[in-house]
Amino acid sequence: MGTCRHFATIACAILRARGIASRARCGFGTYFQQGRGFDHWITEYWDEARRRWVRVDTEHLGRDFVARPDDLAPGEFLTGGEAWVRYRSGMIDPHTFGTAGTDHAWGPHEISGNAVRDLAALCKWETLNWDEWGRMTAAYEGDTGPDYDRLIDVVADACAQDDPSALARLFVHEDLAVPPDITG
């Protein structure tokens, strides 16, 4: 047994061993319960023939949460950055996004936390679901403000653009860099 992050990272290791570009993504599954986004990790692999990243819910292959867990449809999984953009534009209620089985782990801070974790994952540092660093703890405690929100806007945009140099520059930012004691 393991968490969704374990399934995603093991699938990446297997795909990479076979020479297939892959990466873990941190965000929210929107297909587990109508109107909710649950904290979740998936795998993406590069499909050369279709020239696109394919999103796969490796934990739930063979289950019927979605029609195609081997090729998730747009919106079935939102990365932390995608959810952040939707929250900031008023398209989603942030309090419907969080960690299943908890009462406290819902809201904008959960979305921003997953945006930062997704940045780390895109930089090949797949942290644990509950790891916190930088200003994440302050965000969870409601102690960040507009400047941190703007930083997460930049993170969300960089992750969406999928520009390795922009991701690498952000990854070393003092509020975003994963400290060495978090092994990922």
C-alpha atoms as a PDB file:
ATOM      1  CA  MET A   1       0.000   0.000   0.000  1.00  0.00           C
ATOM      2  CA  GLY A   2       1.156   3.528  -0.589  1.00  0.00           C
ATOM      3  CA  THR A   3       0.014   7.040  -1.396  1.00  0.00           C
ATOM      4  CA  CYS A   4      -0.787   8.440  -4.822  1.00  0.00           C
ATOM      5  CA  ARG A   5       2.671  10.044  -4.843  1.00  0.00           C
ATOM      6  CA  HIS A   6       4.266   6.609  -4.469  1.00  0.00           C
ATOM      7  CA  PHE A   7       2.311   5.296  -7.461  1.00  0.00           C
ATOM      8  CA  ALA A   8       3.254   8.352  -9.539  1.00  0.00           C
ATOM      9  CA  THR A   9       6.971   8.254  -8.756  1.00  0.00           C
ATOM     10  CA  ILE A  10       7.282   4.474  -9.169  1.00  0.00           C
ATOM     11  CA  ALA A  11       5.551   4.723 -12.546  1.00  0.00           C
ATOM     12  CA  CYS A  12       8.003   7.476 -13.519  1.00  0.00           C
ATOM     13  CA  ALA A  13      10.951   5.295 -12.540  1.00  0.00           C
ATOM     14  CA  ILE A  14       9.626   2.398 -14.627  1.00  0.00           C
ATOM     15  CA  LEU A  15       8.926   4.615 -17.643  1.00  0.00           C
ATOM     16  CA  ARG A  16      12.322   6.320 -17.399  1.00  0.00           C
ATOM     17  CA  ALA A  17      14.041   2.934 -17.180  1.00  0.00           C
ATOM     18  CA  ARG A  18      12.348   2.132 -20.504  1.00  0.00           C
ATOM     19  CA  GLY A  19      13.590   5.394 -22.040  1.00  0.00           C
ATOM     20  CA  ILE A  20      10.249   7.207 -21.862  1.00  0.00           C
ATOM     21  CA  ALA A  21      10.292  10.778 -20.567  1.00  0.00           C
ATOM     22  CA  SER A  22       7.996  11.016 -17.563  1.00  0.00           C
ATOM     23  CA  ARG A  23       7.304  13.178 -14.562  1.00  0.00           C
ATOM     24  CA  ALA A  24       5.161  13.221 -11.434  1.00  0.00           C
ATOM     25  CA  ARG A  25       2.594  15.999 -11.092  1.00  0.00           C
ATOM     26  CA  CYS A  26       1.075  17.327  -7.879  1.00  0.00           C
ATOM     27  CA  GLY A  27      -2.403  18.780  -7.838  1.00  0.00           C
ATOM     28  CA  PHE A  28      -6.004  17.732  -7.470  1.00  0.00           C
ATOM     29  CA  GLY A  29      -8.173  14.949  -8.826  1.00  0.00           C
ATOM     30  CA  THR A  30     -11.568  16.414  -9.673  1.00  0.00           C
ATOM     31  CA  TYR A  31     -13.148  13.046 -10.491  1.00  0.00           C
ATOM     32  CA  PHE A  32     -13.410  11.444  -7.069  1.00  0.00           C
ATOM     33  CA  GLN A  33     -16.414  13.498  -5.932  1.00  0.00           C
ATOM     34  CA  GLN A  34     -18.512  15.948  -7.936  1.00  0.00           C
ATOM     35  CA  GLY A  35     -17.607  19.554  -7.140  1.00  0.00           C
ATOM     36  CA  ARG A  36     -14.457  18.716  -5.145  1.00  0.00           C
ATOM     37  CA  GLY A  37     -10.758  18.666  -5.932  1.00  0.00           C
ATOM     38  CA  PHE A  38      -8.868  16.143  -3.817  1.00  0.00           C
ATOM     39  CA  ASP A  39      -5.127  16.372  -3.208  1.00  0.00           C
ATOM     40  CA  HIS A  40      -3.586  13.900  -5.667  1.00  0.00           C
ATOM     41  CA  TRP A  41      -0.464  12.994  -7.646  1.00  0.00           C
ATOM     42  CA  ILE A  42      -0.439  11.524 -11.140  1.00  0.00           C
ATOM     43  CA  THR A  43       2.141  10.547 -13.759  1.00  0.00           C
ATOM     44  CA  GLU A  44       2.714  12.256 -17.087  1.00  0.00           C
ATOM     45  CA  TYR A  45       4.664  10.684 -19.901  1.00  0.00           C
ATOM     46  CA  TRP A  46       5.735  12.156 -23.219  1.00  0.00           C
ATOM     47  CA  ASP A  47       3.938  10.598 -26.186  1.00  0.00           C
ATOM     48  CA  GLU A  48       6.244  11.305 -29.107  1.00  0.00           C
ATOM     49  CA  ALA A  49       3.668  10.306 -31.742  1.00  0.00           C
ATOM     50  CA  ARG A  50       1.059  12.737 -30.393  1.00  0.00           C
ATOM     51  CA  ARG A  51       3.670  15.356 -29.363  1.00  0.00           C
ATOM     52  CA  ARG A  52       2.104  15.869 -25.941  1.00  0.00           C
ATOM     53  CA  TRP A  53       2.290  14.937 -22.283  1.00  0.00           C
ATOM     54  CA  VAL A  54      -0.257  12.251 -21.398  1.00  0.00           C
ATOM     55  CA  ARG A  55      -1.681  12.316 -17.886  1.00  0.00           C
ATOM     56  CA  VAL A  56      -2.182   8.938 -16.216  1.00  0.00           C
ATOM     57  CA  ASP A  57      -3.675   8.156 -12.829  1.00  0.00           C
ATOM     58  CA  THR A  58      -1.411   5.181 -12.175  1.00  0.00           C
ATOM     59  CA  GLU A  59      -2.981   4.548  -8.772  1.00  0.00           C
ATOM     60  CA  HIS A  60      -6.435   4.062 -10.245  1.00  0.00           C
ATOM     61  CA  LEU A  61      -5.814   2.205 -13.495  1.00  0.00           C
ATOM     62  CA  GLY A  62      -8.553  -0.395 -13.860  1.00  0.00           C
ATOM     63  CA  ARG A  63     -11.010   1.572 -11.713  1.00  0.00           C
ATOM     64  CA  ASP A  64     -13.953   3.558 -12.956  1.00  0.00           C
ATOM     65  CA  PHE A  65     -13.450   7.039 -11.504  1.00  0.00           C
ATOM     66  CA  VAL A  66     -12.955   8.277 -15.080  1.00  0.00           C
ATOM     67  CA  ALA A  67     -13.450   6.789 -18.531  1.00  0.00           C
ATOM     68  CA  ARG A  68      -9.722   6.848 -19.354  1.00  0.00           C
ATOM     69  CA  PRO A  69      -7.375   6.849 -16.340  1.00  0.00           C
ATOM     70  CA  ASP A  70      -4.602   6.099 -18.856  1.00  0.00           C
ATOM     71  CA  ASP A  71      -5.250   9.426 -20.640  1.00  0.00           C
ATOM     72  CA  LEU A  72      -7.035  11.864 -18.346  1.00  0.00           C
ATOM     73  CA  ALA A  73      -9.269  14.379 -20.078  1.00  0.00           C
ATOM     74  CA  PRO A  74      -8.629  18.105 -19.592  1.00  0.00           C
ATOM     75  CA  GLY A  75      -9.915  19.211 -16.194  1.00  0.00           C
ATOM     76  CA  GLU A  76     -10.067  15.740 -14.647  1.00  0.00           C
ATOM     77  CA  PHE A  77      -6.769  16.478 -12.923  1.00  0.00           C
ATOM     78  CA  LEU A  78      -5.603  20.016 -12.178  1.00  0.00           C
ATOM     79  CA  THR A  79      -2.004  20.660 -11.239  1.00  0.00           C
ATOM     80  CA  GLY A  80      -1.517  22.915  -8.253  1.00  0.00           C
ATOM     81  CA  GLY A  81      -0.778  25.773 -10.650  1.00  0.00           C
ATOM     82  CA  GLU A  82      -3.849  25.105 -12.803  1.00  0.00           C
ATOM     83  CA  ALA A  83      -6.048  25.068  -9.695  1.00  0.00           C
ATOM     84  CA  TRP A  84      -4.347  28.262  -8.479  1.00  0.00           C
ATOM     85  CA  VAL A  85      -5.100  30.079 -11.749  1.00  0.00           C
ATOM     86  CA  ARG A  86      -8.738  28.973 -11.579  1.00  0.00           C
ATOM     87  CA  TYR A  87      -8.982  30.108  -7.955  1.00  0.00           C
ATOM     88  CA  ARG A  88      -7.413  33.501  -8.657  1.00  0.00           C
ATOM     89  CA  SER A  89      -9.741  34.073 -11.623  1.00  0.00           C
ATOM     90  CA  GLY A  90     -12.829  33.150  -9.558  1.00  0.00           C
ATOM     91  CA  MET A  91     -13.564  29.960 -11.519  1.00  0.00           C
ATOM     92  CA  ILE A  92     -13.427  27.654  -8.465  1.00  0.00           C
ATOM     93  CA  ASP A  93     -14.233  27.887  -4.790  1.00  0.00           C
ATOM     94  CA  PRO A  94     -10.871  27.213  -3.102  1.00  0.00           C
ATOM     95  CA  HIS A  95     -12.592  25.656  -0.107  1.00  0.00           C
ATOM     96  CA  THR A  96     -13.659  22.744  -2.321  1.00  0.00           C
ATOM     97  CA  PHE A  97      -9.993  21.860  -2.902  1.00  0.00           C
ATOM     98  CA  GLY A  98      -8.013  20.016  -0.271  1.00  0.00           C
ATOM     99  CA  THR A  99      -7.099  16.773   1.409  1.00  0.00           C
ATOM    100  CA  ALA A 100      -9.759  14.081   1.713  1.00  0.00           C
ATOM    101  CA  GLY A 101     -10.419  12.881   5.243  1.00  0.00           C
ATOM    102  CA  THR A 102      -9.473  16.179   6.884  1.00  0.00           C
ATOM    103  CA  ASP A 103     -11.479  19.175   8.045  1.00  0.00           C
ATOM    104  CA  HIS A 104      -8.625  21.690   8.138  1.00  0.00           C
ATOM    105  CA  ALA A 105      -6.671  21.007   4.918  1.00  0.00           C
ATOM    106  CA  TRP A 106      -8.887  22.872   2.451  1.00  0.00           C
ATOM    107  CA  GLY A 107      -8.614  26.247   0.774  1.00  0.00           C
ATOM    108  CA  PRO A 108      -6.194  28.580  -0.962  1.00  0.00           C
ATOM    109  CA  HIS A 109      -3.237  27.449   1.158  1.00  0.00           C
ATOM    110  CA  GLU A 110      -3.728  23.841   0.013  1.00  0.00           C
ATOM    111  CA  ILE A 111      -3.794  24.998  -3.598  1.00  0.00           C
ATOM    112  CA  SER A 112      -0.676  27.154  -3.217  1.00  0.00           C
ATOM    113  CA  GLY A 113       1.102  24.303  -1.406  1.00  0.00           C
ATOM    114  CA  ASN A 114       0.418  21.940  -4.293  1.00  0.00           C
ATOM    115  CA  ALA A 115       1.565  24.571  -6.787  1.00  0.00           C
ATOM    116  CA  VAL A 116       4.928  24.722  -4.990  1.00  0.00           C
ATOM    117  CA  ARG A 117       5.115  20.906  -4.749  1.00  0.00           C
ATOM    118  CA  ASP A 118       4.367  20.666  -8.478  1.00  0.00           C
ATOM    119  CA  LEU A 119       7.199  23.104  -9.239  1.00  0.00           C
ATOM    120  CA  ALA A 120       9.532  20.906  -7.193  1.00  0.00           C
ATOM    121  CA  ALA A 121       8.303  17.775  -9.004  1.00  0.00           C
ATOM    122  CA  LEU A 122       8.895  19.399 -12.401  1.00  0.00           C
ATOM    123  CA  CYS A 123      12.450  20.026 -11.204  1.00  0.00           C
ATOM    124  CA  LYS A 124      12.726  16.286 -10.363  1.00  0.00           C
ATOM    125  CA  TRP A 125      12.377  16.776  -6.607  1.00  0.00           C
ATOM    126  CA  GLU A 126       9.238  14.777  -5.818  1.00  0.00           C
ATOM    127  CA  THR A 127       8.588  15.642  -2.183  1.00  0.00           C
ATOM    128  CA  LEU A 128       6.161  13.862   0.097  1.00  0.00           C
ATOM    129  CA  ASN A 129       2.516  14.956   0.119  1.00  0.00           C
ATOM    130  CA  TRP A 130       2.881  16.577   3.550  1.00  0.00           C
ATOM    131  CA  ASP A 131       6.329  18.183   3.208  1.00  0.00           C
ATOM    132  CA  GLU A 132       6.393  21.936   3.851  1.00  0.00           C
ATOM    133  CA  TRP A 133       9.172  24.446   3.260  1.00  0.00           C
ATOM    134  CA  GLY A 134       9.744  28.107   2.468  1.00  0.00           C
ATOM    135  CA  ARG A 135       6.627  30.095   3.274  1.00  0.00           C
ATOM    136  CA  MET A 136       4.257  27.146   2.913  1.00  0.00           C
ATOM    137  CA  THR A 137       3.756  26.800   6.666  1.00  0.00           C
ATOM    138  CA  ALA A 138       3.018  30.508   6.949  1.00  0.00           C
ATOM    139  CA  ALA A 139       0.488  30.145   4.109  1.00  0.00           C
ATOM    140  CA  TYR A 140      -1.191  27.242   5.921  1.00  0.00           C
ATOM    141  CA  GLU A 141      -1.412  29.444   9.010  1.00  0.00           C
ATOM    142  CA  GLY A 142      -2.859  32.391   7.038  1.00  0.00           C
ATOM    143  CA  ASP A 143       0.262  34.494   7.568  1.00  0.00           C
ATOM    144  CA  THR A 144       1.126  35.343   3.974  1.00  0.00           C
ATOM    145  CA  GLY A 145      -0.260  38.150   1.897  1.00  0.00           C
ATOM    146  CA  PRO A 146      -0.478  39.540  -1.615  1.00  0.00           C
ATOM    147  CA  ASP A 147       3.269  39.256  -2.248  1.00  0.00           C
ATOM    148  CA  TYR A 148       3.179  35.477  -1.724  1.00  0.00           C
ATOM    149  CA  ASP A 149       0.034  35.199  -3.847  1.00  0.00           C
ATOM    150  CA  ARG A 150       1.866  37.010  -6.665  1.00  0.00           C
ATOM    151  CA  LEU A 151       4.806  34.617  -6.292  1.00  0.00           C
ATOM    152  CA  ILE A 152       2.429  31.651  -6.647  1.00  0.00           C
ATOM    153  CA  ASP A 153       0.983  33.368  -9.746  1.00  0.00           C
ATOM    154  CA  VAL A 154       4.504  33.286 -11.208  1.00  0.00           C
ATOM    155  CA  VAL A 155       4.939  29.638 -10.198  1.00  0.00           C
ATOM    156  CA  ALA A 156       1.625  28.693 -11.813  1.00  0.00           C
ATOM    157  CA  ASP A 157       2.564  30.490 -15.029  1.00  0.00           C
ATOM    158  CA  ALA A 158       6.034  28.926 -15.190  1.00  0.00           C
ATOM    159  CA  CYS A 159       4.620  25.434 -14.654  1.00  0.00           C
ATOM    160  CA  ALA A 160       2.012  26.026 -17.373  1.00  0.00           C
ATOM    161  CA  GLN A 161       4.662  27.317 -19.804  1.00  0.00           C
ATOM    162  CA  ASP A 162       6.787  24.222 -19.111  1.00  0.00           C
ATOM    163  CA  ASP A 163       9.980  26.212 -19.697  1.00  0.00           C
ATOM    164  CA  PRO A 164      12.856  24.337 -17.993  1.00  0.00           C
ATOM    165  CA  SER A 165      15.015  27.444 -17.553  1.00  0.00           C
ATOM    166  CA  ALA A 166      12.179  29.438 -15.935  1.00  0.00           C
ATOM    167  CA  LEU A 167      11.362  26.486 -13.673  1.00  0.00           C
ATOM    168  CA  ALA A 168      15.009  26.139 -12.646  1.00  0.00           C
ATOM    169  CA  ARG A 169      15.248  29.866 -11.833  1.00  0.00           C
ATOM    170  CA  LEU A 170      12.145  29.712  -9.643  1.00  0.00           C
ATOM    171  CA  PHE A 171      13.233  26.492  -7.990  1.00  0.00           C
ATOM    172  CA  VAL A 172      16.160  28.271  -6.306  1.00  0.00           C
ATOM    173  CA  HIS A 173      14.043  31.200  -5.040  1.00  0.00           C
ATOM    174  CA  GLU A 174      14.390  31.459  -1.242  1.00  0.00           C
ATOM    175  CA  ASP A 175      10.650  30.858  -0.720  1.00  0.00           C
ATOM    176  CA  LEU A 176      10.499  27.906  -3.125  1.00  0.00           C
ATOM    177  CA  ALA A 177      13.790  25.997  -2.864  1.00  0.00           C
ATOM    178  CA  VAL A 178      13.438  22.592  -1.239  1.00  0.00           C
ATOM    179  CA  PRO A 179      15.819  22.417   1.740  1.00  0.00           C
ATOM    180  CA  PRO A 180      18.355  19.588   1.810  1.00  0.00           C
ATOM    181  CA  ASP A 181      16.672  17.890   4.784  1.00  0.00           C
ATOM    182  CA  ILE A 182      13.623  17.121   2.607  1.00  0.00           C
ATOM    183  CA  THR A 183      14.756  14.132   0.597  1.00  0.00           C
ATOM    184  CA  GLY A 184      11.884  13.742  -1.850  1.00  0.00           C
END
